[in-house]
């Protein structure tokens, strides 16, 4: 073992001798207690008033620090969960709108497959009916001529003009 005389004396120890130990109630400012969750507030309050109940001031500070860190982490997670829920709600609404539009467009696409065929057939039938109407007119069958001519013109009009809403 070395003789105590051989140990050098520091020239500047960093302390001036005026430091005082913390008082038991100085671990956390009292105004900060109101912003904490109830369990955290109670743990900090007990540690501030009676640090020996946690095994001493050092253990109390470590325990309070861990408790405050967990409380802060919990607060951050709740905030993040709230943000994620809002984002999920927004995305769910956008998905619902997209699904509705998809159903509408799919139905229009299905209906559009048959439209050209129906329109062509309608034009063909309409011109045929008008042709038959002309022949019945020549044969002096006026009652049937009017019916055939009107039906033929309606069929031709359906075949030539676009259907409302088909271009949307």
N, C-alpha and C. Protein backbone atom coordinates (compact mmCIF):
# COMPACT_ATOMS: atom_id res chain seq x y z
N UNK A 1 0.82 -1.17 0.00
CA UNK A 1 0.00 0.00 0.00
C UNK A 1 0.87 1.24 0.00
N UNK A 2 0.33 2.29 -0.66
CA UNK A 2 1.13 3.51 -0.74
C UNK A 2 0.94 4.37 0.49
N UNK A 3 1.93 5.13 0.70
CA UNK A 3 1.88 6.05 1.82
C UNK A 3 1.03 7.25 1.41
N UNK A 4 0.11 7.77 2.26
CA UNK A 4 -0.75 8.88 1.89
C UNK A 4 0.03 10.13 1.50
N UNK A 5 1.25 10.21 1.82
CA UNK A 5 2.02 11.39 1.50
C UNK A 5 2.36 11.43 0.02
N UNK A 6 2.41 10.27 -0.65
CA UNK A 6 2.76 10.22 -2.06
C UNK A 6 1.62 10.62 -2.99
N UNK A 7 0.40 10.73 -2.46
CA UNK A 7 -0.76 11.05 -3.30
C UNK A 7 -0.73 12.55 -3.58
N UNK A 8 -0.82 12.91 -4.90
CA UNK A 8 -0.77 14.34 -5.21
C UNK A 8 -2.07 15.04 -4.82
N UNK A 9 -1.97 16.26 -4.47
CA UNK A 9 -3.12 17.08 -4.12
C UNK A 9 -3.57 17.82 -5.39
N UNK A 10 -4.86 17.69 -5.76
CA UNK A 10 -5.31 18.36 -6.97
C UNK A 10 -5.27 19.88 -6.81
N UNK A 11 -4.94 20.55 -7.88
CA UNK A 11 -4.88 22.01 -7.81
C UNK A 11 -6.28 22.62 -7.94
N UNK A 12 -7.17 21.95 -8.72
CA UNK A 12 -8.54 22.44 -8.86
C UNK A 12 -9.48 21.25 -8.81
N UNK A 13 -10.17 21.07 -7.70
CA UNK A 13 -11.04 19.91 -7.53
C UNK A 13 -12.41 20.11 -8.16
N UNK A 14 -12.75 21.29 -8.59
CA UNK A 14 -14.05 21.56 -9.19
C UNK A 14 -15.10 21.94 -8.18
N UNK A 15 -14.83 21.83 -6.95
CA UNK A 15 -15.79 22.20 -5.91
C UNK A 15 -15.25 23.38 -5.11
N UNK A 16 -16.18 24.21 -4.65
CA UNK A 16 -15.74 25.35 -3.87
C UNK A 16 -16.15 25.24 -2.41
N UNK A 17 -16.82 24.11 -2.05
CA UNK A 17 -17.18 23.90 -0.66
C UNK A 17 -18.52 24.50 -0.29
N UNK A 18 -19.21 25.13 -1.24
CA UNK A 18 -20.50 25.73 -0.90
C UNK A 18 -21.68 24.87 -1.32
N UNK A 19 -21.43 23.69 -1.92
CA UNK A 19 -22.52 22.84 -2.35
C UNK A 19 -23.22 22.25 -1.13
N UNK A 20 -24.54 22.13 -1.27
CA UNK A 20 -25.35 21.54 -0.20
C UNK A 20 -26.11 20.34 -0.76
N UNK A 21 -26.37 19.33 0.04
CA UNK A 21 -27.17 18.20 -0.45
C UNK A 21 -28.61 18.66 -0.71
N UNK A 22 -29.26 17.98 -1.66
CA UNK A 22 -30.64 18.33 -2.00
C UNK A 22 -31.56 17.99 -0.84
N UNK A 23 -32.56 18.81 -0.66
CA UNK A 23 -33.56 18.53 0.36
C UNK A 23 -34.49 17.45 -0.17
N UNK A 24 -35.12 16.68 0.69
CA UNK A 24 -35.96 15.57 0.24
C UNK A 24 -37.08 15.98 -0.73
N UNK A 25 -37.62 17.17 -0.63
CA UNK A 25 -38.72 17.57 -1.50
C UNK A 25 -38.29 18.20 -2.81
N UNK A 26 -37.02 18.17 -3.15
CA UNK A 26 -36.53 18.86 -4.34
C UNK A 26 -36.29 17.96 -5.55
N UNK A 27 -36.76 16.73 -5.51
CA UNK A 27 -36.54 15.86 -6.66
C UNK A 27 -37.29 16.35 -7.90
N UNK A 28 -38.51 16.79 -7.72
CA UNK A 28 -39.33 17.26 -8.83
C UNK A 28 -40.04 18.52 -8.38
N UNK A 29 -40.13 19.49 -9.28
CA UNK A 29 -40.87 20.70 -8.95
C UNK A 29 -42.35 20.37 -8.78
N UNK A 30 -42.97 20.97 -7.80
CA UNK A 30 -44.37 20.66 -7.51
C UNK A 30 -45.30 21.01 -8.67
N UNK A 31 -44.98 22.06 -9.45
CA UNK A 31 -45.87 22.42 -10.55
C UNK A 31 -45.86 21.36 -11.65
N UNK A 32 -44.78 20.60 -11.75
CA UNK A 32 -44.72 19.54 -12.75
C UNK A 32 -45.58 18.34 -12.37
N UNK A 33 -45.88 18.18 -11.10
CA UNK A 33 -46.67 17.04 -10.65
C UNK A 33 -48.09 17.05 -11.24
N UNK A 34 -48.65 18.23 -11.42
CA UNK A 34 -50.02 18.32 -11.92
C UNK A 34 -50.15 17.83 -13.35
N UNK A 35 -49.09 17.82 -14.12
CA UNK A 35 -49.14 17.42 -15.52
C UNK A 35 -48.92 15.92 -15.72
N UNK A 36 -48.63 15.20 -14.66
CA UNK A 36 -48.30 13.78 -14.78
C UNK A 36 -49.53 12.91 -14.58
N UNK A 37 -49.41 11.66 -15.01
CA UNK A 37 -50.46 10.67 -14.78
C UNK A 37 -50.53 10.39 -13.28
N UNK A 38 -51.68 9.96 -12.78
CA UNK A 38 -51.84 9.79 -11.32
C UNK A 38 -50.80 8.87 -10.69
N UNK A 39 -50.51 7.71 -11.28
CA UNK A 39 -49.54 6.80 -10.68
C UNK A 39 -48.16 7.44 -10.64
N UNK A 40 -47.76 8.08 -11.72
CA UNK A 40 -46.46 8.75 -11.76
C UNK A 40 -46.41 9.85 -10.73
N UNK A 41 -47.49 10.60 -10.60
CA UNK A 41 -47.54 11.69 -9.62
C UNK A 41 -47.35 11.15 -8.20
N UNK A 42 -47.99 10.03 -7.89
CA UNK A 42 -47.86 9.46 -6.55
C UNK A 42 -46.45 8.93 -6.30
N UNK A 43 -45.88 8.26 -7.28
CA UNK A 43 -44.51 7.74 -7.10
C UNK A 43 -43.53 8.89 -6.89
N UNK A 44 -43.65 9.92 -7.69
CA UNK A 44 -42.75 11.07 -7.55
C UNK A 44 -42.97 11.77 -6.23
N UNK A 45 -44.22 11.88 -5.82
CA UNK A 45 -44.52 12.52 -4.53
C UNK A 45 -43.93 11.76 -3.36
N UNK A 46 -44.08 10.43 -3.36
CA UNK A 46 -43.52 9.61 -2.27
C UNK A 46 -41.99 9.70 -2.28
N UNK A 47 -41.40 9.63 -3.47
CA UNK A 47 -39.94 9.70 -3.56
C UNK A 47 -39.43 11.06 -3.13
N UNK A 48 -40.19 12.12 -3.38
CA UNK A 48 -39.76 13.46 -3.00
C UNK A 48 -39.86 13.67 -1.50
N UNK A 49 -40.92 13.14 -0.88
CA UNK A 49 -41.12 13.34 0.55
C UNK A 49 -40.34 12.36 1.41
N UNK A 50 -40.21 11.13 0.92
CA UNK A 50 -39.58 10.10 1.75
C UNK A 50 -38.74 9.19 0.87
N UNK A 51 -37.55 9.66 0.44
CA UNK A 51 -36.73 8.85 -0.46
C UNK A 51 -36.22 7.56 0.18
N UNK A 52 -36.22 7.48 1.48
CA UNK A 52 -35.75 6.25 2.13
C UNK A 52 -36.70 5.09 1.91
N UNK A 53 -37.95 5.38 1.52
CA UNK A 53 -38.89 4.29 1.24
C UNK A 53 -38.52 3.54 -0.02
N UNK A 54 -37.63 4.14 -0.84
CA UNK A 54 -37.15 3.49 -2.05
C UNK A 54 -35.73 2.97 -1.86
N UNK A 55 -35.22 3.00 -0.66
CA UNK A 55 -33.88 2.50 -0.39
C UNK A 55 -32.85 3.60 -0.27
N UNK A 56 -33.25 4.84 -0.32
CA UNK A 56 -32.32 5.96 -0.18
C UNK A 56 -32.50 6.95 -1.31
N UNK A 57 -31.84 8.11 -1.20
CA UNK A 57 -32.02 9.16 -2.20
C UNK A 57 -31.57 8.74 -3.60
N UNK A 58 -30.48 8.00 -3.71
CA UNK A 58 -29.99 7.60 -5.04
C UNK A 58 -30.98 6.64 -5.69
N UNK A 59 -31.43 5.63 -4.96
CA UNK A 59 -32.39 4.67 -5.50
C UNK A 59 -33.71 5.37 -5.83
N UNK A 60 -34.12 6.32 -5.00
CA UNK A 60 -35.36 7.05 -5.27
C UNK A 60 -35.24 7.84 -6.56
N UNK A 61 -34.08 8.50 -6.77
CA UNK A 61 -33.89 9.27 -8.00
C UNK A 61 -33.89 8.37 -9.23
N UNK A 62 -33.25 7.22 -9.12
CA UNK A 62 -33.23 6.28 -10.23
C UNK A 62 -34.64 5.77 -10.52
N UNK A 63 -35.37 5.42 -9.47
CA UNK A 63 -36.73 4.92 -9.63
C UNK A 63 -37.64 6.00 -10.23
N UNK A 64 -37.52 7.23 -9.73
CA UNK A 64 -38.32 8.33 -10.26
C UNK A 64 -37.94 8.61 -11.71
N UNK A 65 -36.65 8.58 -12.02
CA UNK A 65 -36.21 8.79 -13.40
C UNK A 65 -36.78 7.74 -14.33
N UNK A 66 -36.73 6.48 -13.91
CA UNK A 66 -37.29 5.40 -14.73
C UNK A 66 -38.79 5.57 -14.90
N UNK A 67 -39.45 5.94 -13.81
CA UNK A 67 -40.90 6.14 -13.88
C UNK A 67 -41.25 7.29 -14.81
N UNK A 68 -40.53 8.39 -14.70
CA UNK A 68 -40.78 9.54 -15.58
C UNK A 68 -40.50 9.19 -17.04
N UNK A 69 -39.43 8.42 -17.27
CA UNK A 69 -39.11 8.01 -18.65
C UNK A 69 -40.22 7.14 -19.22
N UNK A 70 -40.70 6.18 -18.42
CA UNK A 70 -41.80 5.33 -18.89
C UNK A 70 -43.07 6.13 -19.11
N UNK A 71 -43.33 7.10 -18.24
CA UNK A 71 -44.52 7.94 -18.42
C UNK A 71 -44.40 8.77 -19.70
N UNK A 72 -43.21 9.29 -19.96
CA UNK A 72 -43.00 10.07 -21.19
C UNK A 72 -43.13 9.18 -22.42
N UNK A 73 -42.56 7.96 -22.35
CA UNK A 73 -42.70 7.01 -23.46
C UNK A 73 -44.17 6.66 -23.72
N UNK A 74 -44.91 6.46 -22.62
CA UNK A 74 -46.34 6.15 -22.75
C UNK A 74 -47.08 7.32 -23.39
N UNK A 75 -46.76 8.52 -22.99
CA UNK A 75 -47.39 9.71 -23.57
C UNK A 75 -47.08 9.80 -25.07
N UNK A 76 -45.82 9.54 -25.44
CA UNK A 76 -45.43 9.56 -26.85
C UNK A 76 -46.17 8.48 -27.64
N UNK A 77 -46.29 7.29 -27.07
CA UNK A 77 -46.98 6.19 -27.75
C UNK A 77 -48.46 6.50 -27.93
N UNK A 78 -49.06 7.10 -26.91
CA UNK A 78 -50.48 7.47 -27.04
C UNK A 78 -50.66 8.50 -28.14
N UNK A 79 -49.76 9.46 -28.20
CA UNK A 79 -49.83 10.48 -29.24
C UNK A 79 -49.65 9.85 -30.63
N UNK A 80 -48.69 8.95 -30.73
CA UNK A 80 -48.45 8.27 -32.01
C UNK A 80 -49.65 7.40 -32.40
N UNK A 81 -50.24 6.71 -31.40
CA UNK A 81 -51.42 5.90 -31.68
C UNK A 81 -52.58 6.76 -32.16
N UNK A 82 -52.75 7.93 -31.55
CA UNK A 82 -53.81 8.84 -31.97
C UNK A 82 -53.60 9.27 -33.42
N UNK A 83 -52.35 9.62 -33.75
CA UNK A 83 -52.04 10.03 -35.12
C UNK A 83 -52.29 8.89 -36.10
N UNK A 84 -51.89 7.68 -35.72
CA UNK A 84 -52.09 6.53 -36.60
C UNK A 84 -53.58 6.22 -36.78
N UNK A 85 -54.36 6.36 -35.72
CA UNK A 85 -55.80 6.12 -35.83
C UNK A 85 -56.44 7.13 -36.79
N UNK A 86 -56.02 8.39 -36.67
CA UNK A 86 -56.55 9.41 -37.58
C UNK A 86 -56.16 9.09 -39.02
N UNK A 87 -54.92 8.64 -39.21
CA UNK A 87 -54.47 8.29 -40.55
C UNK A 87 -55.25 7.09 -41.09
N UNK A 88 -55.50 6.10 -40.22
CA UNK A 88 -56.27 4.92 -40.62
C UNK A 88 -57.69 5.33 -41.01
N UNK A 89 -58.30 6.23 -40.25
CA UNK A 89 -59.65 6.69 -40.58
C UNK A 89 -59.66 7.40 -41.94
N UNK A 90 -58.65 8.24 -42.17
CA UNK A 90 -58.57 8.95 -43.45
C UNK A 90 -58.39 7.96 -44.59
N UNK A 91 -57.48 7.01 -44.42
CA UNK A 91 -57.23 6.03 -45.48
C UNK A 91 -58.43 5.11 -45.69
N UNK A 92 -59.14 4.79 -44.61
CA UNK A 92 -60.34 3.95 -44.74
C UNK A 92 -61.41 4.68 -45.54
N UNK A 93 -61.55 5.97 -45.29
CA UNK A 93 -62.53 6.76 -46.04
C UNK A 93 -62.14 6.83 -47.52
N UNK A 94 -60.85 7.04 -47.78
CA UNK A 94 -60.38 7.08 -49.16
C UNK A 94 -60.58 5.72 -49.84
N UNK A 95 -60.35 4.64 -49.12
CA UNK A 95 -60.56 3.30 -49.67
C UNK A 95 -62.04 3.07 -49.97
N UNK A 96 -62.92 3.51 -49.07
CA UNK A 96 -64.35 3.36 -49.30
C UNK A 96 -64.78 4.11 -50.57
N UNK A 97 -64.29 5.32 -50.72
CA UNK A 97 -64.63 6.11 -51.91
C UNK A 97 -64.09 5.44 -53.17
N UNK A 98 -62.84 4.95 -53.09
CA UNK A 98 -62.25 4.26 -54.25
C UNK A 98 -63.02 2.99 -54.59
N UNK A 99 -63.46 2.25 -53.58
CA UNK A 99 -64.25 1.03 -53.84
C UNK A 99 -65.58 1.35 -54.49
N UNK A 100 -66.24 2.42 -54.01
CA UNK A 100 -67.50 2.81 -54.62
C UNK A 100 -67.29 3.20 -56.09
N UNK A 101 -66.24 3.94 -56.35
CA UNK A 101 -65.95 4.35 -57.73
C UNK A 101 -65.61 3.13 -58.58
N UNK A 102 -64.88 2.18 -58.00
CA UNK A 102 -64.53 0.96 -58.71
C UNK A 102 -65.78 0.17 -59.10
N UNK A 103 -66.73 0.06 -58.18
CA UNK A 103 -67.97 -0.66 -58.47
C UNK A 103 -68.73 0.05 -59.58
N UNK A 104 -68.80 1.37 -59.50
CA UNK A 104 -69.51 2.14 -60.52
C UNK A 104 -68.86 1.97 -61.90
N UNK A 105 -67.54 2.09 -61.94
CA UNK A 105 -66.85 1.98 -63.23
C UNK A 105 -66.90 0.56 -63.78
N UNK A 106 -66.83 -0.42 -62.90
CA UNK A 106 -66.94 -1.82 -63.34
C UNK A 106 -68.31 -2.07 -63.96
N UNK A 107 -69.35 -1.54 -63.33
CA UNK A 107 -70.70 -1.71 -63.86
C UNK A 107 -70.84 -1.02 -65.20
N UNK A 108 -70.26 0.17 -65.32
CA UNK A 108 -70.33 0.88 -66.60
C UNK A 108 -69.56 0.12 -67.68
N UNK A 109 -68.43 -0.46 -67.28
CA UNK A 109 -67.64 -1.22 -68.24
C UNK A 109 -68.41 -2.44 -68.73
N UNK A 110 -69.06 -3.13 -67.80
CA UNK A 110 -69.87 -4.29 -68.19
C UNK A 110 -71.00 -3.88 -69.12
N UNK A 111 -71.66 -2.79 -68.77
CA UNK A 111 -72.77 -2.32 -69.61
C UNK A 111 -72.25 -1.84 -70.96
N UNK A 112 -71.06 -1.27 -70.99
CA UNK A 112 -70.49 -0.74 -72.22
C UNK A 112 -70.09 -1.81 -73.21
N UNK A 113 -69.88 -3.02 -72.74
CA UNK A 113 -69.50 -4.11 -73.65
C UNK A 113 -70.60 -4.41 -74.65
N UNK A 114 -71.84 -4.32 -74.19
CA UNK A 114 -72.96 -4.70 -75.03
C UNK A 114 -73.55 -3.52 -75.80
N UNK A 115 -73.23 -2.32 -75.40
CA UNK A 115 -73.83 -1.13 -76.02
C UNK A 115 -73.55 -1.04 -77.52
N UNK A 116 -72.32 -1.20 -78.01
CA UNK A 116 -72.12 -1.10 -79.46
C UNK A 116 -72.91 -2.15 -80.24
N UNK A 117 -72.98 -3.36 -79.72
CA UNK A 117 -73.73 -4.42 -80.40
C UNK A 117 -75.21 -4.09 -80.42
N UNK A 118 -75.73 -3.62 -79.31
CA UNK A 118 -77.16 -3.29 -79.23
C UNK A 118 -77.47 -2.10 -80.15
N UNK A 119 -76.59 -1.12 -80.17
CA UNK A 119 -76.82 0.05 -81.02
C UNK A 119 -76.78 -0.34 -82.50
N UNK A 120 -75.84 -1.18 -82.87
CA UNK A 120 -75.75 -1.63 -84.27
C UNK A 120 -76.99 -2.43 -84.66
N UNK A 121 -77.40 -3.32 -83.76
CA UNK A 121 -78.59 -4.14 -84.02
C UNK A 121 -79.83 -3.25 -84.11
N UNK A 122 -79.88 -2.25 -83.24
CA UNK A 122 -81.03 -1.33 -83.26
C UNK A 122 -81.09 -0.56 -84.57
N UNK A 123 -79.95 -0.11 -85.07
CA UNK A 123 -79.91 0.60 -86.35
C UNK A 123 -80.34 -0.33 -87.49
N UNK A 124 -79.86 -1.56 -87.45
CA UNK A 124 -80.23 -2.53 -88.48
C UNK A 124 -81.73 -2.79 -88.47
N UNK A 125 -82.28 -3.04 -87.30
CA UNK A 125 -83.71 -3.33 -87.18
C UNK A 125 -84.53 -2.10 -87.58
N UNK A 126 -84.05 -0.90 -87.16
CA UNK A 126 -84.76 0.33 -87.51
C UNK A 126 -84.83 0.56 -89.00
N UNK A 127 -83.71 0.39 -89.69
CA UNK A 127 -83.72 0.58 -91.15
C UNK A 127 -84.58 -0.47 -91.84
N UNK A 128 -84.58 -1.67 -91.29
CA UNK A 128 -85.43 -2.73 -91.86
C UNK A 128 -86.90 -2.37 -91.69
N UNK A 129 -87.27 -1.88 -90.49
CA UNK A 129 -88.66 -1.50 -90.25
C UNK A 129 -89.09 -0.34 -91.14
N UNK A 130 -88.20 0.63 -91.33
CA UNK A 130 -88.54 1.75 -92.21
C UNK A 130 -88.71 1.24 -93.64
N UNK A 131 -87.85 0.33 -94.07
CA UNK A 131 -87.98 -0.25 -95.41
C UNK A 131 -89.29 -0.99 -95.57
N UNK A 132 -89.68 -1.78 -94.56
CA UNK A 132 -90.97 -2.50 -94.61
C UNK A 132 -92.11 -1.49 -94.60
N UNK A 133 -91.95 -0.41 -93.82
CA UNK A 133 -93.01 0.62 -93.78
C UNK A 133 -93.21 1.25 -95.15
N UNK A 134 -92.13 1.48 -95.88
CA UNK A 134 -92.23 2.04 -97.23
C UNK A 134 -92.99 1.07 -98.15
N UNK A 135 -92.69 -0.21 -98.03
CA UNK A 135 -93.38 -1.21 -98.86
C UNK A 135 -94.86 -1.31 -98.49
N UNK A 136 -95.18 -1.23 -97.21
CA UNK A 136 -96.60 -1.29 -96.82
C UNK A 136 -97.34 -0.04 -97.25
N UNK A 137 -96.64 1.09 -97.31
CA UNK A 137 -97.24 2.33 -97.80
C UNK A 137 -97.62 2.19 -99.28
N UNK A 138 -96.71 1.56 -100.02
CA UNK A 138 -96.98 1.34 -101.45
C UNK A 138 -98.18 0.41 -101.63
N UNK A 139 -98.40 -0.49 -100.64
CA UNK A 139 -99.51 -1.44 -100.73
C UNK A 139 -100.78 -0.87 -100.11
N UNK A 140 -100.80 0.42 -99.75
CA UNK A 140 -101.95 1.11 -99.15
C UNK A 140 -102.41 0.49 -97.82
N UNK A 141 -101.47 0.08 -97.01
CA UNK A 141 -101.79 -0.41 -95.66
C UNK A 141 -101.33 0.66 -94.67
N UNK A 142 -102.10 1.74 -94.61
CA UNK A 142 -101.68 2.94 -93.88
C UNK A 142 -101.56 2.73 -92.37
N UNK A 143 -102.41 1.93 -91.77
CA UNK A 143 -102.38 1.76 -90.31
C UNK A 143 -101.07 1.10 -89.87
N UNK A 144 -100.68 0.05 -90.53
CA UNK A 144 -99.45 -0.65 -90.16
C UNK A 144 -98.22 0.12 -90.60
N UNK A 145 -98.35 0.93 -91.65
CA UNK A 145 -97.23 1.74 -92.15
C UNK A 145 -96.78 2.73 -91.09
N UNK A 146 -97.73 3.39 -90.45
CA UNK A 146 -97.39 4.39 -89.42
C UNK A 146 -96.69 3.73 -88.24
N UNK A 147 -97.20 2.59 -87.81
CA UNK A 147 -96.61 1.88 -86.66
C UNK A 147 -95.18 1.44 -86.99
N UNK A 148 -95.00 0.85 -88.17
CA UNK A 148 -93.66 0.39 -88.57
C UNK A 148 -92.69 1.56 -88.74
N UNK A 149 -93.15 2.66 -89.31
CA UNK A 149 -92.29 3.82 -89.52
C UNK A 149 -91.85 4.43 -88.19
N UNK A 150 -92.79 4.58 -87.26
CA UNK A 150 -92.45 5.16 -85.94
C UNK A 150 -91.47 4.24 -85.20
N UNK A 151 -91.75 2.92 -85.18
CA UNK A 151 -90.85 1.98 -84.50
C UNK A 151 -89.47 1.99 -85.14
N UNK A 152 -89.41 2.05 -86.46
CA UNK A 152 -88.14 2.08 -87.17
C UNK A 152 -87.35 3.34 -86.87
N UNK A 153 -88.03 4.50 -86.87
CA UNK A 153 -87.34 5.76 -86.58
C UNK A 153 -86.81 5.80 -85.14
N UNK A 154 -87.58 5.26 -84.20
CA UNK A 154 -87.11 5.20 -82.80
C UNK A 154 -85.88 4.31 -82.70
N UNK A 155 -85.91 3.15 -83.36
CA UNK A 155 -84.76 2.24 -83.32
C UNK A 155 -83.53 2.87 -83.96
N UNK A 156 -83.71 3.59 -85.07
CA UNK A 156 -82.58 4.26 -85.73
C UNK A 156 -82.03 5.37 -84.83
N UNK A 157 -82.93 6.13 -84.21
CA UNK A 157 -82.48 7.21 -83.31
C UNK A 157 -81.69 6.65 -82.13
N UNK A 158 -82.14 5.53 -81.57
CA UNK A 158 -81.41 4.91 -80.46
C UNK A 158 -80.02 4.46 -80.92
N UNK A 159 -79.94 3.93 -82.10
CA UNK A 159 -78.66 3.43 -82.60
C UNK A 159 -77.70 4.53 -82.99
N UNK A 160 -78.19 5.70 -83.38
CA UNK A 160 -77.30 6.76 -83.86
C UNK A 160 -76.85 7.74 -82.77
N UNK A 161 -77.70 7.99 -81.80
CA UNK A 161 -77.37 8.99 -80.78
C UNK A 161 -76.80 8.34 -79.53
N UNK A 162 -75.81 9.03 -78.87
CA UNK A 162 -75.21 8.44 -77.66
C UNK A 162 -76.19 8.39 -76.50
N UNK A 163 -75.98 7.42 -75.63
CA UNK A 163 -76.80 7.27 -74.46
C UNK A 163 -76.29 8.23 -73.39
N UNK A 164 -77.20 8.88 -72.68
CA UNK A 164 -76.83 9.83 -71.63
C UNK A 164 -76.07 9.11 -70.51
N UNK A 165 -74.93 9.66 -70.11
CA UNK A 165 -74.14 9.09 -69.03
C UNK A 165 -73.10 8.09 -69.47
N UNK A 166 -73.07 7.72 -70.72
CA UNK A 166 -72.12 6.72 -71.19
C UNK A 166 -70.70 7.27 -71.27
N UNK A 167 -70.54 8.58 -71.44
CA UNK A 167 -69.23 9.17 -71.59
C UNK A 167 -68.58 9.54 -70.26
N UNK A 168 -69.29 9.42 -69.16
CA UNK A 168 -68.75 9.82 -67.85
C UNK A 168 -67.67 8.89 -67.38
